[in-house]
Amino acid sequence: MSATVHEKKESANVQAKKQAVEDIKGKIGQAKSIVLINYSGLTVAEDTEFRSAFRKAGVEYKVLKNTLVRKAFNELGITDFDSDLNGPTAVAFGKDETSSAKVVADGIKKYNKMAIKSGYVEGSYMDAKGIQALAAIPSKEELYAKCAGVLQSIIAGLAVALKAVADKQEA
């Protein structure tokens, strides 16, 4: 009878792991950027603050089992992360291309304890240097605001020039 109970527990554990892999695959599919982080060395207070920064940026931050993340990537046909999924690993799932990289880079500067392992952006593997470079790029919203500012100044300059031409012709 104990063998049956043991078999049921194993079966439930296997099912839970399969569900976890499916959940991770869903997160990978929905994310525009993913960053793998070695988070070792953070205190509880620092980790809490770090998690808060992710929430404010709309990034989902999870500490997941390496084997489950590896299996999820492998089931999606992605094997680039196999060597990166060792040791303490946290995963940041971003809704845009830059926010997860920015929060991680800011956290590394602030706490000086973590390291970027690698990332996955718009279907492409990126090493740690690529993720750091990505963190330096302004977000789409920032770029749109800069573009709008440039266009607004061009329009204002054009209006001033047209008014000057009109005033000159009247005189």
N, C-alpha and C. Protein backbone atom coordinates (compact mmCIF):
# COMPACT_ATOMS: atom_id res chain seq x y z
N MET A 1 0.82 -1.20 0.00
CA MET A 1 0.00 0.00 0.00
C MET A 1 0.86 1.26 0.00
N SER A 2 2.00 1.23 0.69
CA SER A 2 2.86 2.41 0.70
C SER A 2 3.48 2.67 -0.67
N ALA A 3 3.66 1.61 -1.47
CA ALA A 3 4.18 1.81 -2.83
C ALA A 3 3.19 2.61 -3.66
N THR A 4 1.92 2.37 -3.46
CA THR A 4 0.89 3.10 -4.21
C THR A 4 0.88 4.57 -3.81
N VAL A 5 1.00 4.84 -2.51
CA VAL A 5 1.05 6.23 -2.04
C VAL A 5 2.29 6.92 -2.60
N HIS A 6 3.41 6.21 -2.58
CA HIS A 6 4.66 6.75 -3.12
C HIS A 6 4.53 7.03 -4.62
N GLU A 7 3.91 6.11 -5.36
CA GLU A 7 3.70 6.30 -6.79
C GLU A 7 2.80 7.50 -7.06
N LYS A 8 1.77 7.70 -6.25
CA LYS A 8 0.87 8.84 -6.42
C LYS A 8 1.62 10.15 -6.17
N LYS A 9 2.49 10.16 -5.14
CA LYS A 9 3.27 11.37 -4.86
C LYS A 9 4.21 11.68 -6.01
N GLU A 10 4.88 10.64 -6.54
CA GLU A 10 5.78 10.84 -7.68
C GLU A 10 5.01 11.36 -8.88
N SER A 11 3.85 10.77 -9.12
CA SER A 11 3.03 11.19 -10.26
C SER A 11 2.59 12.65 -10.10
N ALA A 12 2.21 13.03 -8.90
CA ALA A 12 1.80 14.42 -8.64
C ALA A 12 2.99 15.37 -8.82
N ASN A 13 4.17 14.94 -8.38
CA ASN A 13 5.38 15.76 -8.52
C ASN A 13 5.74 15.93 -9.99
N VAL A 14 5.65 14.87 -10.76
CA VAL A 14 5.94 14.94 -12.20
C VAL A 14 4.94 15.88 -12.87
N GLN A 15 3.68 15.78 -12.50
CA GLN A 15 2.65 16.65 -13.08
C GLN A 15 2.92 18.11 -12.71
N ALA A 16 3.31 18.36 -11.46
CA ALA A 16 3.60 19.74 -11.02
C ALA A 16 4.78 20.31 -11.82
N LYS A 17 5.80 19.48 -12.06
CA LYS A 17 6.96 19.94 -12.83
C LYS A 17 6.58 20.21 -14.28
N LYS A 18 5.75 19.34 -14.85
CA LYS A 18 5.29 19.56 -16.22
C LYS A 18 4.51 20.86 -16.32
N GLN A 19 3.66 21.13 -15.32
CA GLN A 19 2.88 22.36 -15.32
C GLN A 19 3.79 23.57 -15.17
N ALA A 20 4.82 23.45 -14.31
CA ALA A 20 5.77 24.56 -14.12
C ALA A 20 6.50 24.85 -15.43
N VAL A 21 6.91 23.82 -16.15
CA VAL A 21 7.59 24.00 -17.44
C VAL A 21 6.64 24.69 -18.43
N GLU A 22 5.38 24.28 -18.45
CA GLU A 22 4.40 24.92 -19.34
C GLU A 22 4.22 26.39 -18.99
N ASP A 23 4.17 26.69 -17.69
CA ASP A 23 4.04 28.09 -17.24
C ASP A 23 5.24 28.91 -17.69
N ILE A 24 6.44 28.35 -17.54
CA ILE A 24 7.66 29.06 -17.95
C ILE A 24 7.66 29.27 -19.47
N LYS A 25 7.24 28.26 -20.21
CA LYS A 25 7.16 28.41 -21.68
C LYS A 25 6.19 29.53 -22.04
N GLY A 26 5.09 29.64 -21.32
CA GLY A 26 4.14 30.72 -21.56
C GLY A 26 4.76 32.08 -21.30
N LYS A 27 5.52 32.19 -20.22
CA LYS A 27 6.19 33.45 -19.89
C LYS A 27 7.23 33.80 -20.96
N ILE A 28 7.97 32.79 -21.43
CA ILE A 28 8.96 33.02 -22.48
C ILE A 28 8.27 33.52 -23.75
N GLY A 29 7.14 32.90 -24.08
CA GLY A 29 6.42 33.28 -25.29
C GLY A 29 5.85 34.69 -25.23
N GLN A 30 5.45 35.14 -24.03
CA GLN A 30 4.84 36.46 -23.88
C GLN A 30 5.88 37.57 -23.72
N ALA A 31 7.07 37.23 -23.24
CA ALA A 31 8.09 38.25 -22.95
C ALA A 31 8.78 38.71 -24.23
N LYS A 32 9.04 40.01 -24.29
CA LYS A 32 9.83 40.55 -25.40
C LYS A 32 11.31 40.52 -25.05
N SER A 33 11.61 40.45 -23.75
CA SER A 33 13.00 40.32 -23.32
C SER A 33 13.06 39.47 -22.05
N ILE A 34 14.13 38.69 -21.95
CA ILE A 34 14.36 37.84 -20.78
C ILE A 34 15.81 38.02 -20.40
N VAL A 35 16.05 38.21 -19.10
CA VAL A 35 17.42 38.34 -18.62
C VAL A 35 17.64 37.32 -17.51
N LEU A 36 18.71 36.55 -17.63
CA LEU A 36 19.12 35.60 -16.59
C LEU A 36 20.16 36.28 -15.72
N ILE A 37 19.96 36.20 -14.41
CA ILE A 37 20.79 36.93 -13.46
C ILE A 37 21.36 35.98 -12.42
N ASN A 38 22.63 36.15 -12.08
CA ASN A 38 23.19 35.50 -10.91
C ASN A 38 22.96 36.48 -9.76
N TYR A 39 22.02 36.14 -8.89
CA TYR A 39 21.60 37.07 -7.85
C TYR A 39 22.31 36.84 -6.52
N SER A 40 23.32 36.00 -6.46
CA SER A 40 23.95 35.65 -5.19
C SER A 40 24.56 36.88 -4.52
N GLY A 41 24.49 36.88 -3.20
CA GLY A 41 25.08 37.95 -2.41
C GLY A 41 24.10 39.00 -1.94
N LEU A 42 22.89 39.02 -2.50
CA LEU A 42 21.91 40.02 -2.07
C LEU A 42 21.37 39.69 -0.68
N THR A 43 21.23 40.71 0.14
CA THR A 43 20.57 40.52 1.42
C THR A 43 19.07 40.48 1.18
N VAL A 44 18.31 40.11 2.18
CA VAL A 44 16.86 40.06 2.04
C VAL A 44 16.31 41.45 1.74
N ALA A 45 16.82 42.46 2.42
CA ALA A 45 16.36 43.83 2.19
C ALA A 45 16.67 44.29 0.76
N GLU A 46 17.87 43.96 0.28
CA GLU A 46 18.25 44.35 -1.07
C GLU A 46 17.39 43.62 -2.10
N ASP A 47 17.15 42.33 -1.86
CA ASP A 47 16.31 41.55 -2.77
C ASP A 47 14.89 42.10 -2.82
N THR A 48 14.37 42.50 -1.69
CA THR A 48 13.03 43.08 -1.63
C THR A 48 12.98 44.38 -2.42
N GLU A 49 14.00 45.21 -2.26
CA GLU A 49 14.08 46.48 -3.00
C GLU A 49 14.24 46.23 -4.50
N PHE A 50 15.05 45.23 -4.84
CA PHE A 50 15.28 44.86 -6.24
C PHE A 50 13.98 44.39 -6.88
N ARG A 51 13.24 43.55 -6.18
CA ARG A 51 11.94 43.06 -6.68
C ARG A 51 10.96 44.20 -6.89
N SER A 52 11.00 45.18 -5.99
CA SER A 52 10.12 46.34 -6.10
C SER A 52 10.45 47.14 -7.36
N ALA A 53 11.73 47.27 -7.67
CA ALA A 53 12.13 47.99 -8.89
C ALA A 53 11.61 47.27 -10.13
N PHE A 54 11.64 45.94 -10.12
CA PHE A 54 11.10 45.18 -11.25
C PHE A 54 9.60 45.41 -11.39
N ARG A 55 8.87 45.36 -10.26
CA ARG A 55 7.41 45.56 -10.31
C ARG A 55 7.08 46.94 -10.88
N LYS A 56 7.80 47.97 -10.43
CA LYS A 56 7.56 49.34 -10.92
C LYS A 56 7.78 49.44 -12.43
N ALA A 57 8.73 48.65 -12.95
CA ALA A 57 9.04 48.68 -14.38
C ALA A 57 8.14 47.74 -15.19
N GLY A 58 7.26 47.01 -14.51
CA GLY A 58 6.37 46.08 -15.21
C GLY A 58 7.09 44.81 -15.66
N VAL A 59 8.15 44.45 -14.94
CA VAL A 59 8.94 43.26 -15.28
C VAL A 59 8.66 42.19 -14.23
N GLU A 60 8.44 40.96 -14.69
CA GLU A 60 8.23 39.85 -13.77
C GLU A 60 9.58 39.23 -13.44
N TYR A 61 9.88 39.14 -12.15
CA TYR A 61 11.17 38.63 -11.68
C TYR A 61 10.91 37.39 -10.85
N LYS A 62 11.53 36.28 -11.21
CA LYS A 62 11.31 35.02 -10.53
C LYS A 62 12.62 34.28 -10.33
N VAL A 63 12.74 33.62 -9.20
CA VAL A 63 13.81 32.66 -8.99
C VAL A 63 13.20 31.31 -9.32
N LEU A 64 13.72 30.68 -10.37
CA LEU A 64 13.17 29.42 -10.87
C LEU A 64 14.26 28.35 -10.88
N LYS A 65 13.83 27.11 -10.84
CA LYS A 65 14.79 26.01 -10.91
C LYS A 65 15.43 25.97 -12.29
N ASN A 66 16.75 25.89 -12.31
CA ASN A 66 17.50 25.86 -13.58
C ASN A 66 17.01 24.75 -14.49
N THR A 67 16.77 23.57 -13.92
CA THR A 67 16.37 22.43 -14.76
C THR A 67 15.03 22.69 -15.44
N LEU A 68 14.11 23.35 -14.74
CA LEU A 68 12.80 23.64 -15.33
C LEU A 68 12.91 24.70 -16.42
N VAL A 69 13.72 25.73 -16.18
CA VAL A 69 13.91 26.78 -17.19
C VAL A 69 14.61 26.19 -18.42
N ARG A 70 15.63 25.36 -18.19
CA ARG A 70 16.35 24.72 -19.30
C ARG A 70 15.39 23.86 -20.12
N LYS A 71 14.56 23.08 -19.43
CA LYS A 71 13.60 22.21 -20.12
C LYS A 71 12.61 23.04 -20.93
N ALA A 72 12.13 24.15 -20.37
CA ALA A 72 11.19 25.01 -21.09
C ALA A 72 11.84 25.57 -22.35
N PHE A 73 13.05 26.10 -22.23
CA PHE A 73 13.75 26.61 -23.41
C PHE A 73 13.99 25.50 -24.43
N ASN A 74 14.44 24.35 -23.95
CA ASN A 74 14.71 23.23 -24.87
C ASN A 74 13.46 22.77 -25.59
N GLU A 75 12.32 22.73 -24.90
CA GLU A 75 11.07 22.34 -25.54
C GLU A 75 10.64 23.35 -26.60
N LEU A 76 11.11 24.59 -26.46
CA LEU A 76 10.83 25.62 -27.46
C LEU A 76 11.90 25.64 -28.56
N GLY A 77 12.85 24.70 -28.48
CA GLY A 77 13.90 24.59 -29.49
C GLY A 77 15.06 25.53 -29.28
N ILE A 78 15.21 26.04 -28.06
CA ILE A 78 16.27 27.00 -27.75
C ILE A 78 17.26 26.33 -26.80
N THR A 79 18.49 26.13 -27.26
CA THR A 79 19.49 25.46 -26.43
C THR A 79 20.64 26.37 -26.03
N ASP A 80 20.57 27.64 -26.40
CA ASP A 80 21.65 28.58 -26.12
C ASP A 80 21.91 28.79 -24.62
N PHE A 81 20.90 28.54 -23.79
CA PHE A 81 21.01 28.85 -22.36
C PHE A 81 21.50 27.69 -21.52
N ASP A 82 21.73 26.54 -22.12
CA ASP A 82 22.08 25.36 -21.35
C ASP A 82 23.29 25.60 -20.43
N SER A 83 24.31 26.27 -20.91
CA SER A 83 25.50 26.50 -20.09
C SER A 83 25.29 27.63 -19.07
N ASP A 84 24.33 28.51 -19.30
CA ASP A 84 24.09 29.64 -18.38
C ASP A 84 23.21 29.24 -17.20
N LEU A 85 22.51 28.15 -17.31
CA LEU A 85 21.57 27.75 -16.27
C LEU A 85 22.23 26.84 -15.25
N ASN A 86 23.20 27.40 -14.56
CA ASN A 86 23.91 26.74 -13.46
C ASN A 86 24.07 27.74 -12.34
N GLY A 87 24.07 27.26 -11.12
CA GLY A 87 24.22 28.15 -9.97
C GLY A 87 22.97 28.96 -9.73
N PRO A 88 23.05 29.94 -8.82
CA PRO A 88 21.87 30.74 -8.50
C PRO A 88 21.42 31.55 -9.72
N THR A 89 20.18 31.36 -10.13
CA THR A 89 19.67 32.05 -11.32
C THR A 89 18.29 32.61 -11.05
N ALA A 90 18.13 33.88 -11.35
CA ALA A 90 16.82 34.50 -11.35
C ALA A 90 16.53 34.90 -12.79
N VAL A 91 15.24 34.97 -13.11
CA VAL A 91 14.84 35.29 -14.48
C VAL A 91 13.93 36.51 -14.46
N ALA A 92 14.24 37.48 -15.31
CA ALA A 92 13.42 38.69 -15.45
C ALA A 92 12.74 38.63 -16.82
N PHE A 93 11.40 38.64 -16.81
CA PHE A 93 10.61 38.59 -18.04
C PHE A 93 10.07 40.00 -18.30
N GLY A 94 10.54 40.65 -19.37
CA GLY A 94 10.12 42.01 -19.68
C GLY A 94 9.06 42.08 -20.75
N LYS A 95 8.16 43.05 -20.62
CA LYS A 95 7.10 43.27 -21.61
C LYS A 95 7.60 44.08 -22.80
N ASP A 96 8.77 44.70 -22.65
CA ASP A 96 9.37 45.41 -23.78
C ASP A 96 10.83 44.97 -23.90
N GLU A 97 11.54 45.54 -24.84
CA GLU A 97 12.87 45.07 -25.16
C GLU A 97 13.93 45.51 -24.16
N THR A 98 13.73 46.62 -23.45
CA THR A 98 14.81 47.18 -22.64
C THR A 98 14.59 47.21 -21.14
N SER A 99 13.35 47.18 -20.67
CA SER A 99 13.09 47.41 -19.24
C SER A 99 13.75 46.40 -18.32
N SER A 100 13.72 45.12 -18.67
CA SER A 100 14.34 44.12 -17.79
C SER A 100 15.85 44.34 -17.72
N ALA A 101 16.48 44.63 -18.84
CA ALA A 101 17.92 44.88 -18.86
C ALA A 101 18.27 46.13 -18.05
N LYS A 102 17.45 47.17 -18.16
CA LYS A 102 17.71 48.41 -17.42
C LYS A 102 17.64 48.19 -15.91
N VAL A 103 16.60 47.49 -15.44
CA VAL A 103 16.46 47.26 -13.99
C VAL A 103 17.62 46.42 -13.48
N VAL A 104 18.00 45.40 -14.23
CA VAL A 104 19.13 44.56 -13.82
C VAL A 104 20.41 45.37 -13.77
N ALA A 105 20.69 46.15 -14.81
CA ALA A 105 21.91 46.96 -14.85
C ALA A 105 21.93 47.97 -13.70
N ASP A 106 20.79 48.59 -13.42
CA ASP A 106 20.71 49.54 -12.30
C ASP A 106 20.97 48.83 -10.97
N GLY A 107 20.41 47.62 -10.82
CA GLY A 107 20.61 46.84 -9.59
C GLY A 107 22.06 46.44 -9.41
N ILE A 108 22.72 46.07 -10.48
CA ILE A 108 24.13 45.69 -10.40
C ILE A 108 24.97 46.89 -9.98
N LYS A 109 24.68 48.07 -10.55
CA LYS A 109 25.41 49.29 -10.15
C LYS A 109 25.17 49.62 -8.69
N LYS A 110 23.91 49.49 -8.26
CA LYS A 110 23.53 49.87 -6.91
C LYS A 110 24.10 48.93 -5.85
N TYR A 111 23.94 47.62 -6.06
CA TYR A 111 24.32 46.65 -5.04
C TYR A 111 25.72 46.07 -5.24
N ASN A 112 26.22 46.13 -6.46
CA ASN A 112 27.55 45.62 -6.78
C ASN A 112 27.76 44.17 -6.32
N LYS A 113 26.71 43.36 -6.48
CA LYS A 113 26.79 41.98 -6.00
C LYS A 113 26.32 40.96 -7.03
N MET A 114 25.64 41.36 -8.04
CA MET A 114 25.03 40.43 -8.98
C MET A 114 25.78 40.46 -10.30
N ALA A 115 25.35 39.56 -11.19
CA ALA A 115 25.94 39.55 -12.53
C ALA A 115 24.90 39.09 -13.54
N ILE A 116 24.96 39.66 -14.72
CA ILE A 116 24.10 39.21 -15.82
C ILE A 116 24.72 37.96 -16.39
N LYS A 117 23.91 36.93 -16.58
CA LYS A 117 24.39 35.70 -17.21
C LYS A 117 24.20 35.79 -18.73
N SER A 118 22.99 36.09 -19.14
CA SER A 118 22.67 36.19 -20.56
C SER A 118 21.23 36.68 -20.69
N GLY A 119 20.74 36.72 -21.92
CA GLY A 119 19.38 37.15 -22.14
C GLY A 119 18.84 36.66 -23.47
N TYR A 120 17.58 36.94 -23.67
CA TYR A 120 16.86 36.51 -24.87
C TYR A 120 15.96 37.67 -25.26
N VAL A 121 16.24 38.30 -26.39
CA VAL A 121 15.49 39.48 -26.80
C VAL A 121 14.96 39.28 -28.21
N GLU A 122 13.64 39.36 -28.34
CA GLU A 122 12.98 39.22 -29.64
C GLU A 122 13.47 37.99 -30.41
N GLY A 123 13.57 36.87 -29.72
CA GLY A 123 13.92 35.62 -30.37
C GLY A 123 15.39 35.37 -30.58
N SER A 124 16.25 36.21 -30.00
CA SER A 124 17.70 36.04 -30.18
C SER A 124 18.41 35.97 -28.83
N TYR A 125 19.37 35.06 -28.75
CA TYR A 125 20.22 34.93 -27.56
C TYR A 125 21.17 36.12 -27.51
N MET A 126 21.38 36.65 -26.30
CA MET A 126 22.35 37.72 -26.10
C MET A 126 23.23 37.36 -24.91
N ASP A 127 24.53 37.59 -25.04
CA ASP A 127 25.42 37.36 -23.91
C ASP A 127 25.32 38.55 -22.95
N ALA A 128 26.07 38.48 -21.86
CA ALA A 128 26.01 39.53 -20.83
C ALA A 128 26.36 40.90 -21.39
N LYS A 129 27.34 40.98 -22.28
CA LYS A 129 27.72 42.28 -22.87
C LYS A 129 26.59 42.85 -23.72
N GLY A 130 25.89 41.98 -24.44
CA GLY A 130 24.76 42.42 -25.25
C GLY A 130 23.63 42.97 -24.39
N ILE A 131 23.38 42.33 -23.27
CA ILE A 131 22.33 42.80 -22.35
C ILE A 131 22.73 44.14 -21.73
N GLN A 132 24.01 44.29 -21.38
CA GLN A 132 24.47 45.57 -20.83
C GLN A 132 24.33 46.69 -21.86
N ALA A 133 24.64 46.39 -23.11
CA ALA A 133 24.48 47.39 -24.17
C ALA A 133 23.00 47.73 -24.36
N LEU A 134 22.15 46.74 -24.26
CA LEU A 134 20.71 46.95 -24.39
C LEU A 134 20.18 47.86 -23.28
N ALA A 135 20.74 47.72 -22.09
CA ALA A 135 20.32 48.53 -20.95
C ALA A 135 20.60 50.02 -21.18
N ALA A 136 21.58 50.32 -22.02
CA ALA A 136 21.94 51.72 -22.29
C ALA A 136 21.03 52.38 -23.31
N ILE A 137 20.24 51.58 -24.03
CA ILE A 137 19.35 52.13 -25.05
C ILE A 137 18.09 52.69 -24.38
N PRO A 138 17.66 53.88 -24.76
CA PRO A 138 16.42 54.43 -24.20
C PRO A 138 15.23 53.55 -24.58
N SER A 139 14.20 53.57 -23.74
CA SER A 139 12.99 52.80 -24.03
C SER A 139 12.25 53.43 -25.21
N LYS A 140 11.29 52.71 -25.76
CA LYS A 140 10.51 53.23 -26.89
C LYS A 140 9.82 54.53 -26.51
N GLU A 141 9.28 54.58 -25.29
CA GLU A 141 8.58 55.79 -24.85
C GLU A 141 9.53 56.99 -24.81
N GLU A 142 10.75 56.76 -24.31
CA GLU A 142 11.74 57.85 -24.27
C GLU A 142 12.11 58.29 -25.68
N LEU A 143 12.27 57.33 -26.58
CA LEU A 143 12.61 57.68 -27.97
C LEU A 143 11.46 58.43 -28.65
N TYR A 144 10.22 57.99 -28.39
CA TYR A 144 9.06 58.69 -28.95
C TYR A 144 9.01 60.13 -28.44
N ALA A 145 9.27 60.31 -27.14
CA ALA A 145 9.24 61.66 -26.56
C ALA A 145 10.33 62.54 -27.18
N LYS A 146 11.52 61.98 -27.37
CA LYS A 146 12.59 62.76 -28.00
C LYS A 146 12.24 63.11 -29.44
N CYS A 147 11.66 62.16 -30.15
CA CYS A 147 11.26 62.40 -31.54
C CYS A 147 10.19 63.49 -31.60
N ALA A 148 9.22 63.41 -30.70
CA ALA A 148 8.16 64.43 -30.67
C ALA A 148 8.74 65.80 -30.37
N GLY A 149 9.72 65.86 -29.47
CA GLY A 149 10.36 67.13 -29.15
C GLY A 149 11.10 67.71 -30.34
N VAL A 150 11.80 66.85 -31.08
CA VAL A 150 12.51 67.31 -32.27
C VAL A 150 11.52 67.82 -33.31
N LEU A 151 10.45 67.06 -33.55
CA LEU A 151 9.44 67.48 -34.53
C LEU A 151 8.79 68.80 -34.11
N GLN A 152 8.52 68.92 -32.82
CA GLN A 152 7.89 70.15 -32.33
C GLN A 152 8.81 71.35 -32.54
N SER A 153 10.10 71.18 -32.30
CA SER A 153 11.02 72.30 -32.50
C SER A 153 11.16 72.64 -33.98
N ILE A 154 11.11 71.65 -34.86
CA ILE A 154 11.16 71.91 -36.31
C ILE A 154 9.93 72.69 -36.73
N ILE A 155 8.77 72.29 -36.26
CA ILE A 155 7.53 72.97 -36.62
C ILE A 155 7.54 74.41 -36.09
N ALA A 156 8.01 74.56 -34.84
CA ALA A 156 8.09 75.92 -34.28
C ALA A 156 9.05 76.79 -35.11
N GLY A 157 10.18 76.24 -35.51
CA GLY A 157 11.14 76.98 -36.33
C GLY A 157 10.56 77.34 -37.68
N LEU A 158 9.81 76.42 -38.27
CA LEU A 158 9.17 76.67 -39.55
C LEU A 158 8.13 77.79 -39.42
N ALA A 159 7.36 77.77 -38.34
CA ALA A 159 6.36 78.81 -38.12
C ALA A 159 7.02 80.19 -37.98
N VAL A 160 8.12 80.26 -37.26
CA VAL A 160 8.84 81.53 -37.08
C VAL A 160 9.37 82.02 -38.44
N ALA A 161 9.92 81.09 -39.22
CA ALA A 161 10.47 81.48 -40.53
C ALA A 161 9.36 81.96 -41.46
N LEU A 162 8.22 81.26 -41.47
CA LEU A 162 7.10 81.68 -42.32
C LEU A 162 6.57 83.04 -41.90
N LYS A 163 6.50 83.27 -40.58
CA LYS A 163 6.03 84.57 -40.09
C LYS A 163 7.00 85.67 -40.50
N ALA A 164 8.29 85.40 -40.44
CA ALA A 164 9.30 86.39 -40.84
C ALA A 164 9.18 86.71 -42.32
N VAL A 165 8.94 85.69 -43.15
CA VAL A 165 8.78 85.91 -44.60
C VAL A 165 7.52 86.72 -44.83
N ALA A 166 6.44 86.39 -44.14
CA ALA A 166 5.19 87.11 -44.31
C ALA A 166 5.35 88.57 -43.87
N ASP A 167 6.00 88.82 -42.76
CA ASP A 167 6.23 90.17 -42.26
C ASP A 167 7.09 90.98 -43.25
N LYS A 168 8.08 90.32 -43.84
CA LYS A 168 8.97 90.99 -44.79
C LYS A 168 8.21 91.39 -46.05
N GLN A 169 7.30 90.53 -46.50
CA GLN A 169 6.54 90.81 -47.72
C GLN A 169 5.53 91.93 -47.48
N GLU A 170 5.01 92.05 -46.26
CA GLU A 170 4.06 93.11 -45.94
C GLU A 170 4.76 94.46 -45.94
N ALA A 171 6.01 94.49 -45.55
CA ALA A 171 6.73 95.75 -45.42
C ALA A 171 7.17 96.35 -46.71
